[in-house]
Amino acid sequence: MSNIDRKARIREYKETPRPAGVYRVRNSMRGKSLIGSTIDIPSMLNRHRFQLENGLHPDKELLGDWNEIGADAFEFETLDQLEPSDKPAYDPTEDLAVLKSMWIEKLTASGETLYQQSKRYT
């Protein structure tokens, strides 16, 4: 790959919009979830997986369940996505917080339990 091709691919990657929205790391054995929102869902889910696999996750209860039950009991999923905005100065932070709150309300109303760190990931 030439230097020009490499630079073009890097520029293309940086300019490609990332899916922003609400995600869930779900412990299917215990019916417990970590809910979060982010401007880059795939990166955040990869981050959670990496932290869990390496014993570095900040939510100690989630990490304890991961170590006790194993990776096969966990699902990493996108719950909802924001539509990309064509406004250059658009900041999705507030919209993401509202969307996350709606999902937390919906899931807790259906009896799902949340990990403590769900309050942190906005």
N, C-alpha and C. Protein backbone atom coordinates (compact mmCIF):
# COMPACT_ATOMS: atom_id res chain seq x y z
N MET A 1 0.86 -1.18 0.00
CA MET A 1 0.00 0.00 0.00
C MET A 1 0.90 1.24 0.00
N SER A 2 0.65 2.13 -0.94
CA SER A 2 1.46 3.34 -1.02
C SER A 2 1.07 4.30 0.10
N ASN A 3 1.94 5.27 0.31
CA ASN A 3 1.71 6.27 1.35
C ASN A 3 0.45 7.08 1.06
N ILE A 4 0.20 7.35 -0.22
CA ILE A 4 -0.99 8.11 -0.61
C ILE A 4 -2.26 7.30 -0.33
N ASP A 5 -2.25 6.01 -0.68
CA ASP A 5 -3.40 5.15 -0.40
C ASP A 5 -3.66 5.07 1.10
N ARG A 6 -2.60 4.96 1.86
CA ARG A 6 -2.74 4.86 3.32
C ARG A 6 -3.37 6.13 3.88
N LYS A 7 -2.89 7.28 3.43
CA LYS A 7 -3.44 8.56 3.90
C LYS A 7 -4.91 8.71 3.50
N ALA A 8 -5.24 8.26 2.30
CA ALA A 8 -6.64 8.33 1.84
C ALA A 8 -7.53 7.44 2.69
N ARG A 9 -7.06 6.27 3.03
CA ARG A 9 -7.85 5.35 3.86
C ARG A 9 -8.03 5.91 5.27
N ILE A 10 -6.99 6.52 5.81
CA ILE A 10 -7.09 7.13 7.14
C ILE A 10 -8.09 8.27 7.11
N ARG A 11 -8.02 9.13 6.09
CA ARG A 11 -8.94 10.25 5.97
C ARG A 11 -10.38 9.74 5.83
N GLU A 12 -10.57 8.71 5.02
CA GLU A 12 -11.90 8.13 4.83
C GLU A 12 -12.44 7.58 6.16
N TYR A 13 -11.60 6.91 6.92
CA TYR A 13 -12.01 6.37 8.22
C TYR A 13 -12.45 7.50 9.16
N LYS A 14 -11.66 8.56 9.20
CA LYS A 14 -11.96 9.68 10.10
C LYS A 14 -13.24 10.41 9.70
N GLU A 15 -13.54 10.42 8.41
CA GLU A 15 -14.72 11.14 7.93
C GLU A 15 -15.98 10.28 7.93
N THR A 16 -15.86 9.00 8.15
CA THR A 16 -17.02 8.11 8.17
C THR A 16 -17.76 8.28 9.49
N PRO A 17 -19.05 8.62 9.44
CA PRO A 17 -19.79 8.79 10.69
C PRO A 17 -19.91 7.47 11.45
N ARG A 18 -19.74 7.55 12.75
CA ARG A 18 -19.86 6.39 13.62
C ARG A 18 -21.29 6.30 14.14
N PRO A 19 -21.79 5.10 14.36
CA PRO A 19 -23.15 4.97 14.89
C PRO A 19 -23.20 5.37 16.37
N ALA A 20 -23.96 6.42 16.65
CA ALA A 20 -24.16 6.89 18.02
C ALA A 20 -25.47 6.34 18.54
N GLY A 21 -25.52 6.03 19.82
CA GLY A 21 -26.77 5.53 20.38
C GLY A 21 -26.60 4.88 21.73
N VAL A 22 -27.52 3.98 22.03
CA VAL A 22 -27.57 3.30 23.32
C VAL A 22 -27.22 1.83 23.11
N TYR A 23 -26.42 1.30 24.01
CA TYR A 23 -25.97 -0.09 23.92
C TYR A 23 -26.22 -0.80 25.24
N ARG A 24 -26.08 -2.12 25.19
CA ARG A 24 -26.26 -2.92 26.40
C ARG A 24 -25.24 -4.06 26.43
N VAL A 25 -24.68 -4.27 27.62
CA VAL A 25 -23.89 -5.47 27.91
C VAL A 25 -24.78 -6.26 28.85
N ARG A 26 -25.29 -7.40 28.38
CA ARG A 26 -26.30 -8.15 29.12
C ARG A 26 -25.76 -9.48 29.62
N ASN A 27 -25.97 -9.70 30.90
CA ASN A 27 -25.67 -10.98 31.53
C ASN A 27 -26.93 -11.82 31.38
N SER A 28 -26.94 -12.72 30.42
CA SER A 28 -28.16 -13.50 30.13
C SER A 28 -28.47 -14.53 31.21
N MET A 29 -27.49 -14.92 31.99
CA MET A 29 -27.72 -15.89 33.07
C MET A 29 -28.46 -15.24 34.25
N ARG A 30 -28.14 -14.00 34.53
CA ARG A 30 -28.72 -13.32 35.69
C ARG A 30 -29.75 -12.26 35.31
N GLY A 31 -29.93 -12.03 34.02
CA GLY A 31 -30.90 -11.03 33.58
C GLY A 31 -30.54 -9.63 34.03
N LYS A 32 -29.26 -9.33 34.02
CA LYS A 32 -28.77 -8.04 34.50
C LYS A 32 -27.99 -7.37 33.38
N SER A 33 -28.12 -6.05 33.27
CA SER A 33 -27.50 -5.35 32.15
C SER A 33 -26.76 -4.10 32.57
N LEU A 34 -25.77 -3.76 31.76
CA LEU A 34 -25.12 -2.46 31.82
C LEU A 34 -25.63 -1.70 30.61
N ILE A 35 -26.20 -0.52 30.83
CA ILE A 35 -26.74 0.30 29.75
C ILE A 35 -25.86 1.54 29.63
N GLY A 36 -25.52 1.91 28.41
CA GLY A 36 -24.73 3.10 28.19
C GLY A 36 -25.09 3.77 26.89
N SER A 37 -24.60 4.99 26.73
CA SER A 37 -24.79 5.70 25.47
C SER A 37 -23.44 6.28 25.05
N THR A 38 -23.25 6.41 23.75
CA THR A 38 -21.96 6.85 23.23
C THR A 38 -22.11 7.38 21.81
N ILE A 39 -21.11 8.12 21.38
CA ILE A 39 -21.10 8.61 20.00
C ILE A 39 -20.48 7.59 19.05
N ASP A 40 -19.97 6.48 19.59
CA ASP A 40 -19.35 5.44 18.75
C ASP A 40 -19.61 4.07 19.39
N ILE A 41 -20.74 3.47 19.06
CA ILE A 41 -21.16 2.22 19.69
C ILE A 41 -20.15 1.08 19.49
N PRO A 42 -19.70 0.79 18.28
CA PRO A 42 -18.76 -0.33 18.12
C PRO A 42 -17.50 -0.18 18.97
N SER A 43 -16.96 1.03 19.02
CA SER A 43 -15.75 1.26 19.83
C SER A 43 -16.02 1.04 21.31
N MET A 44 -17.16 1.52 21.79
CA MET A 44 -17.48 1.38 23.21
C MET A 44 -17.72 -0.09 23.58
N LEU A 45 -18.40 -0.83 22.72
CA LEU A 45 -18.61 -2.25 23.01
C LEU A 45 -17.28 -3.01 23.00
N ASN A 46 -16.39 -2.65 22.08
CA ASN A 46 -15.05 -3.26 22.06
C ASN A 46 -14.29 -2.92 23.34
N ARG A 47 -14.45 -1.69 23.80
CA ARG A 47 -13.79 -1.26 25.04
C ARG A 47 -14.27 -2.08 26.23
N HIS A 48 -15.60 -2.24 26.35
CA HIS A 48 -16.14 -3.03 27.46
C HIS A 48 -15.62 -4.47 27.40
N ARG A 49 -15.65 -5.05 26.21
CA ARG A 49 -15.18 -6.44 26.05
C ARG A 49 -13.70 -6.54 26.45
N PHE A 50 -12.88 -5.62 25.98
CA PHE A 50 -11.46 -5.62 26.32
C PHE A 50 -11.25 -5.49 27.83
N GLN A 51 -11.96 -4.55 28.45
CA GLN A 51 -11.81 -4.35 29.89
C GLN A 51 -12.24 -5.60 30.67
N LEU A 52 -13.30 -6.25 30.25
CA LEU A 52 -13.75 -7.46 30.92
C LEU A 52 -12.75 -8.60 30.73
N GLU A 53 -12.29 -8.79 29.51
CA GLU A 53 -11.36 -9.88 29.22
C GLU A 53 -10.03 -9.72 29.96
N ASN A 54 -9.67 -8.48 30.26
CA ASN A 54 -8.38 -8.22 30.90
C ASN A 54 -8.49 -7.85 32.37
N GLY A 55 -9.69 -8.00 32.94
CA GLY A 55 -9.89 -7.73 34.37
C GLY A 55 -9.76 -6.27 34.75
N LEU A 56 -10.08 -5.37 33.82
CA LEU A 56 -9.89 -3.93 34.04
C LEU A 56 -11.20 -3.15 34.10
N HIS A 57 -12.33 -3.81 34.05
CA HIS A 57 -13.60 -3.09 33.96
C HIS A 57 -13.88 -2.34 35.26
N PRO A 58 -14.34 -1.07 35.16
CA PRO A 58 -14.60 -0.28 36.37
C PRO A 58 -15.80 -0.77 37.19
N ASP A 59 -16.73 -1.47 36.57
CA ASP A 59 -17.88 -2.00 37.32
C ASP A 59 -17.47 -3.36 37.89
N LYS A 60 -17.13 -3.36 39.16
CA LYS A 60 -16.59 -4.57 39.80
C LYS A 60 -17.61 -5.70 39.87
N GLU A 61 -18.88 -5.36 40.02
CA GLU A 61 -19.91 -6.40 40.05
C GLU A 61 -20.02 -7.09 38.69
N LEU A 62 -20.03 -6.31 37.63
CA LEU A 62 -20.07 -6.86 36.28
C LEU A 62 -18.82 -7.71 36.02
N LEU A 63 -17.67 -7.19 36.40
CA LEU A 63 -16.42 -7.92 36.22
C LEU A 63 -16.43 -9.23 37.01
N GLY A 64 -16.97 -9.19 38.23
CA GLY A 64 -17.06 -10.40 39.04
C GLY A 64 -17.95 -11.45 38.38
N ASP A 65 -19.09 -11.00 37.83
CA ASP A 65 -19.98 -11.93 37.12
C ASP A 65 -19.29 -12.51 35.89
N TRP A 66 -18.57 -11.68 35.15
CA TRP A 66 -17.83 -12.12 33.97
C TRP A 66 -16.83 -13.22 34.35
N ASN A 67 -16.10 -12.97 35.43
CA ASN A 67 -15.09 -13.95 35.86
C ASN A 67 -15.73 -15.23 36.39
N GLU A 68 -16.86 -15.09 37.08
CA GLU A 68 -17.52 -16.25 37.68
C GLU A 68 -18.26 -17.10 36.65
N ILE A 69 -19.03 -16.45 35.78
CA ILE A 69 -19.90 -17.16 34.85
C ILE A 69 -19.21 -17.45 33.51
N GLY A 70 -18.41 -16.50 33.06
CA GLY A 70 -17.72 -16.66 31.78
C GLY A 70 -18.32 -15.81 30.68
N ALA A 71 -17.53 -15.60 29.65
CA ALA A 71 -17.89 -14.71 28.54
C ALA A 71 -19.13 -15.17 27.78
N ASP A 72 -19.38 -16.47 27.72
CA ASP A 72 -20.51 -16.98 26.95
C ASP A 72 -21.86 -16.53 27.48
N ALA A 73 -21.91 -16.08 28.73
CA ALA A 73 -23.17 -15.64 29.33
C ALA A 73 -23.48 -14.18 29.01
N PHE A 74 -22.62 -13.51 28.27
CA PHE A 74 -22.80 -12.07 28.03
C PHE A 74 -23.07 -11.77 26.57
N GLU A 75 -23.96 -10.81 26.36
CA GLU A 75 -24.32 -10.33 25.02
C GLU A 75 -23.98 -8.85 24.94
N PHE A 76 -23.41 -8.44 23.82
CA PHE A 76 -23.08 -7.05 23.57
C PHE A 76 -23.96 -6.60 22.41
N GLU A 77 -24.83 -5.62 22.66
CA GLU A 77 -25.79 -5.27 21.61
C GLU A 77 -26.11 -3.78 21.56
N THR A 78 -26.53 -3.35 20.39
CA THR A 78 -27.01 -1.99 20.19
C THR A 78 -28.52 -2.00 20.42
N LEU A 79 -28.98 -1.13 21.31
CA LEU A 79 -30.42 -1.03 21.59
C LEU A 79 -31.10 -0.01 20.69
N ASP A 80 -30.41 1.09 20.41
CA ASP A 80 -31.02 2.18 19.64
C ASP A 80 -29.91 3.04 19.05
N GLN A 81 -30.16 3.59 17.87
CA GLN A 81 -29.19 4.47 17.23
C GLN A 81 -29.81 5.81 16.91
N LEU A 82 -29.01 6.87 17.05
CA LEU A 82 -29.42 8.20 16.62
C LEU A 82 -29.18 8.32 15.12
N GLU A 83 -30.06 9.00 14.46
CA GLU A 83 -29.85 9.28 13.04
C GLU A 83 -28.72 10.29 12.92
N PRO A 84 -27.78 10.10 12.00
CA PRO A 84 -26.71 11.08 11.84
C PRO A 84 -27.28 12.44 11.45
N SER A 85 -26.72 13.48 12.03
CA SER A 85 -27.19 14.84 11.75
C SER A 85 -26.34 15.46 10.65
N ASP A 86 -26.99 16.27 9.82
CA ASP A 86 -26.24 16.99 8.78
C ASP A 86 -25.80 18.36 9.27
N LYS A 87 -26.11 18.68 10.54
CA LYS A 87 -25.69 19.95 11.13
C LYS A 87 -24.25 19.81 11.62
N PRO A 88 -23.36 20.67 11.15
CA PRO A 88 -21.95 20.53 11.52
C PRO A 88 -21.68 20.71 13.02
N ALA A 89 -22.43 21.54 13.70
CA ALA A 89 -22.18 21.82 15.12
C ALA A 89 -23.04 20.97 16.05
N TYR A 90 -23.72 19.97 15.51
CA TYR A 90 -24.61 19.14 16.32
C TYR A 90 -23.84 18.37 17.39
N ASP A 91 -24.30 18.50 18.64
CA ASP A 91 -23.72 17.75 19.76
C ASP A 91 -24.79 16.78 20.26
N PRO A 92 -24.57 15.48 20.09
CA PRO A 92 -25.60 14.50 20.43
C PRO A 92 -25.70 14.17 21.92
N THR A 93 -24.89 14.80 22.76
CA THR A 93 -24.82 14.44 24.18
C THR A 93 -26.18 14.43 24.86
N GLU A 94 -26.94 15.50 24.69
CA GLU A 94 -28.25 15.60 25.35
C GLU A 94 -29.22 14.55 24.80
N ASP A 95 -29.24 14.39 23.49
CA ASP A 95 -30.13 13.39 22.88
C ASP A 95 -29.77 11.98 23.34
N LEU A 96 -28.49 11.70 23.47
CA LEU A 96 -28.05 10.38 23.94
C LEU A 96 -28.49 10.14 25.39
N ALA A 97 -28.39 11.18 26.22
CA ALA A 97 -28.79 11.04 27.63
C ALA A 97 -30.29 10.75 27.73
N VAL A 98 -31.09 11.43 26.92
CA VAL A 98 -32.54 11.20 26.93
C VAL A 98 -32.86 9.80 26.44
N LEU A 99 -32.23 9.39 25.37
CA LEU A 99 -32.45 8.06 24.80
C LEU A 99 -32.06 6.97 25.81
N LYS A 100 -30.94 7.17 26.47
CA LYS A 100 -30.49 6.20 27.48
C LYS A 100 -31.50 6.13 28.63
N SER A 101 -31.96 7.28 29.10
CA SER A 101 -32.95 7.30 30.19
C SER A 101 -34.22 6.56 29.80
N MET A 102 -34.65 6.74 28.58
CA MET A 102 -35.85 6.04 28.10
C MET A 102 -35.64 4.53 28.14
N TRP A 103 -34.47 4.07 27.70
CA TRP A 103 -34.19 2.63 27.70
C TRP A 103 -34.07 2.08 29.11
N ILE A 104 -33.45 2.83 30.01
CA ILE A 104 -33.35 2.38 31.40
C ILE A 104 -34.74 2.24 32.00
N GLU A 105 -35.59 3.23 31.75
CA GLU A 105 -36.96 3.18 32.26
C GLU A 105 -37.71 1.98 31.69
N LYS A 106 -37.58 1.76 30.39
CA LYS A 106 -38.27 0.65 29.73
C LYS A 106 -37.79 -0.70 30.27
N LEU A 107 -36.50 -0.87 30.41
CA LEU A 107 -35.96 -2.16 30.85
C LEU A 107 -36.24 -2.43 32.33
N THR A 108 -36.13 -1.41 33.17
CA THR A 108 -36.42 -1.63 34.59
C THR A 108 -37.91 -1.88 34.80
N ALA A 109 -38.76 -1.26 33.99
CA ALA A 109 -40.20 -1.51 34.09
C ALA A 109 -40.54 -2.95 33.72
N SER A 110 -39.72 -3.55 32.86
CA SER A 110 -39.96 -4.94 32.46
C SER A 110 -39.28 -5.93 33.41
N GLY A 111 -38.68 -5.42 34.49
CA GLY A 111 -38.10 -6.29 35.50
C GLY A 111 -36.61 -6.53 35.39
N GLU A 112 -35.96 -5.90 34.43
CA GLU A 112 -34.52 -6.09 34.26
C GLU A 112 -33.77 -5.32 35.36
N THR A 113 -32.72 -5.93 35.87
CA THR A 113 -31.87 -5.30 36.87
C THR A 113 -30.66 -4.71 36.16
N LEU A 114 -30.16 -3.58 36.68
CA LEU A 114 -29.03 -2.92 36.05
C LEU A 114 -27.80 -2.98 36.93
N TYR A 115 -26.66 -3.06 36.29
CA TYR A 115 -25.40 -2.92 37.01
C TYR A 115 -25.26 -1.46 37.42
N GLN A 116 -24.58 -1.23 38.52
CA GLN A 116 -24.44 0.11 39.09
C GLN A 116 -23.84 1.11 38.11
N GLN A 117 -22.87 0.69 37.33
CA GLN A 117 -22.19 1.61 36.42
C GLN A 117 -23.08 2.12 35.29
N SER A 118 -24.28 1.59 35.15
CA SER A 118 -25.18 2.08 34.09
C SER A 118 -25.44 3.57 34.26
N LYS A 119 -25.36 4.06 35.47
CA LYS A 119 -25.58 5.48 35.73
C LYS A 119 -24.42 6.31 35.20
N ARG A 120 -23.27 5.69 35.05
CA ARG A 120 -22.06 6.41 34.65
C ARG A 120 -21.93 6.56 33.14
N TYR A 121 -22.30 5.57 32.39
CA TYR A 121 -22.02 5.56 30.96
C TYR A 121 -23.03 6.37 30.16
N THR A 122 -22.73 7.66 30.03
CA THR A 122 -23.54 8.55 29.19
C THR A 122 -22.68 9.23 28.17
